[in-house]
Protein backbone atom coordinates (compact mmCIF):
# COMPACT_ATOMS: atom_id res chain seq x y z
CA UNK A 1 10.66 -81.85 -78.66
CA UNK A 2 11.89 -81.25 -75.06
CA UNK A 3 13.61 -83.51 -72.62
CA UNK A 4 12.39 -84.16 -69.36
CA UNK A 5 14.98 -83.89 -66.78
CA UNK A 6 12.74 -84.22 -63.74
CA UNK A 7 8.90 -85.28 -62.94
CA UNK A 8 7.11 -85.95 -59.60
CA UNK A 9 3.82 -85.19 -58.40
CA UNK A 10 4.66 -81.74 -57.73
CA UNK A 11 6.48 -80.33 -61.03
CA UNK A 12 7.68 -81.15 -64.34
CA UNK A 13 11.14 -79.78 -65.69
CA UNK A 14 11.75 -79.93 -69.48
CA UNK A 15 14.48 -78.60 -71.53
CA UNK A 16 14.30 -77.78 -75.16
CA UNK A 17 17.45 -77.33 -76.51
CA UNK A 18 16.39 -76.01 -79.80
CA UNK A 19 15.18 -73.03 -78.24
CA UNK A 20 17.90 -73.18 -75.10
CA UNK A 21 14.55 -72.86 -72.93
CA UNK A 22 14.11 -74.53 -69.32
CA UNK A 23 10.51 -74.93 -68.59
CA UNK A 24 9.41 -75.76 -65.06
CA UNK A 25 5.78 -76.43 -64.40
CA UNK A 26 4.38 -76.78 -61.11
CA UNK A 27 1.70 -79.50 -60.80
CA UNK A 28 0.72 -78.55 -56.77
CA UNK A 29 1.97 -77.09 -53.84
CA UNK A 30 5.02 -79.05 -52.58
CA UNK A 31 6.62 -79.68 -49.66
CA UNK A 32 9.98 -77.57 -48.96
CA UNK A 33 12.43 -80.24 -49.71
CA UNK A 34 10.83 -81.05 -52.88
CA UNK A 35 10.81 -77.23 -53.82
CA UNK A 36 14.55 -77.08 -53.39
CA UNK A 37 15.09 -80.49 -55.14
CA UNK A 38 13.29 -78.91 -58.48
CA UNK A 39 15.35 -75.66 -58.11
CA UNK A 40 18.43 -78.05 -57.60
CA UNK A 41 17.87 -80.03 -60.50
CA UNK A 42 17.27 -76.85 -62.62
CA UNK A 43 20.54 -75.24 -61.67
CA UNK A 44 21.95 -78.71 -62.87
CA UNK A 45 20.51 -78.65 -66.38
CA UNK A 46 21.18 -75.08 -66.81
CA UNK A 47 24.87 -75.79 -65.65
CA UNK A 48 25.25 -78.99 -68.12
CA UNK A 49 23.38 -77.21 -71.18
CA UNK A 50 23.07 -73.78 -72.61
CA UNK A 51 19.98 -72.60 -70.90
CA UNK A 52 19.12 -68.83 -71.69
CA UNK A 53 15.65 -69.00 -71.01
CA UNK A 54 13.66 -70.15 -68.05
CA UNK A 55 9.92 -70.22 -67.85
CA UNK A 56 8.27 -71.18 -64.70
CA UNK A 57 4.34 -71.90 -64.59
CA UNK A 58 3.43 -71.38 -60.88
CA UNK A 59 -0.50 -71.49 -61.46
CA UNK A 60 -0.87 -74.42 -59.50
CA UNK A 61 2.36 -74.14 -57.15
CA UNK A 62 0.18 -72.29 -54.03
CA UNK A 63 1.74 -70.38 -51.38
CA UNK A 64 5.74 -70.52 -51.10
CA UNK A 65 7.15 -70.29 -47.38
CA UNK A 66 9.35 -67.54 -46.32
CA UNK A 67 11.92 -69.94 -45.78
CA UNK A 68 11.90 -71.21 -49.48
CA UNK A 69 11.56 -67.66 -50.71
CA UNK A 70 14.91 -66.63 -48.95
CA UNK A 71 16.50 -69.71 -50.13
CA UNK A 72 15.73 -68.92 -53.58
CA UNK A 73 16.69 -65.25 -53.66
CA UNK A 74 20.08 -66.31 -51.75
CA UNK A 75 21.19 -69.45 -53.56
CA UNK A 76 19.23 -70.23 -56.89
CA UNK A 77 19.02 -66.41 -58.24
CA UNK A 78 22.47 -65.85 -58.05
CA UNK A 79 23.29 -69.14 -59.71
CA UNK A 80 20.94 -68.17 -62.42
CA UNK A 81 23.09 -64.95 -62.88
CA UNK A 82 26.02 -66.41 -62.98
CA UNK A 83 25.18 -69.09 -65.48
CA UNK A 84 24.01 -66.39 -67.77
CA UNK A 85 20.16 -66.79 -68.01
CA UNK A 86 18.79 -63.97 -70.37
CA UNK A 87 15.28 -64.07 -69.42
CA UNK A 88 13.02 -65.37 -66.95
CA UNK A 89 9.01 -65.62 -67.60
CA UNK A 90 6.66 -66.44 -64.79
CA UNK A 91 3.23 -67.60 -65.84
CA UNK A 92 0.85 -66.60 -62.71
CA UNK A 93 -2.60 -67.09 -61.68
CA UNK A 94 -4.93 -64.40 -60.54
CA UNK A 95 -3.83 -65.05 -56.72
CA UNK A 96 -1.95 -62.98 -54.31
CA UNK A 97 0.47 -65.70 -53.49
CA UNK A 98 1.54 -65.56 -57.06
CA UNK A 99 2.04 -61.68 -57.17
CA UNK A 100 4.08 -61.84 -53.86
CA UNK A 101 6.18 -64.53 -55.45
CA UNK A 102 6.63 -62.54 -58.78
CA UNK A 103 7.60 -59.23 -56.88
CA UNK A 104 10.09 -61.11 -54.51
CA UNK A 105 11.81 -62.82 -57.50
CA UNK A 106 11.84 -59.55 -59.59
CA UNK A 107 13.48 -57.46 -56.44
CA UNK A 108 16.16 -60.16 -56.30
CA UNK A 109 16.75 -59.48 -60.24
CA UNK A 110 16.67 -55.70 -60.19
CA UNK A 111 20.40 -55.07 -60.28
CA UNK A 112 21.04 -58.04 -62.78
CA UNK A 113 20.71 -58.20 -66.56
CA UNK A 114 18.06 -60.85 -66.52
CA UNK A 115 14.90 -59.47 -67.94
CA UNK A 116 11.83 -60.75 -66.19
CA UNK A 117 8.24 -60.90 -67.29
CA UNK A 118 4.63 -62.07 -65.94
CA UNK A 119 2.22 -63.78 -68.21
CA UNK A 120 -1.26 -65.57 -67.46
CA UNK A 121 -0.59 -67.96 -70.51
CA UNK A 122 2.19 -70.25 -70.77
CA UNK A 123 2.24 -70.07 -74.67
CA UNK A 124 2.40 -66.12 -74.36
CA UNK A 125 5.57 -66.26 -71.75
CA UNK A 126 7.23 -68.83 -73.92
CA UNK A 127 6.77 -66.60 -77.07
CA UNK A 128 8.26 -63.26 -75.08
CA UNK A 129 11.48 -65.56 -74.23
CA UNK A 130 12.02 -66.70 -77.34
CA UNK A 131 12.04 -63.03 -78.65
CA UNK A 132 15.81 -61.05 -78.67
């Protein structure tokens, strides 16, 4: 059973202590302030708990602004690297925006030790992160 750390009309953030897994499910496209708030909460959970795996289900997220992508690359991803996250799994839809978003994150992680992979089903993403 997971612990919900944050929920809004736009996102749900749940931590599964038994798997050291943080799951972010986007419910809809969010304003910039909400997008940043969700990732600030994610960093907080990862800082105070032993988060090794991060799964982000972006199927309903919609397009992310260039400003938010830049912020994610410059602020959030370096924090994830520093916190020792081992794997990130993204759950995508078939849309172009999902692929662009995923490619941006993969490039930002390129020189880190974090493994990243993409899936179209949340269950497959969770199964992948749990495999050492």
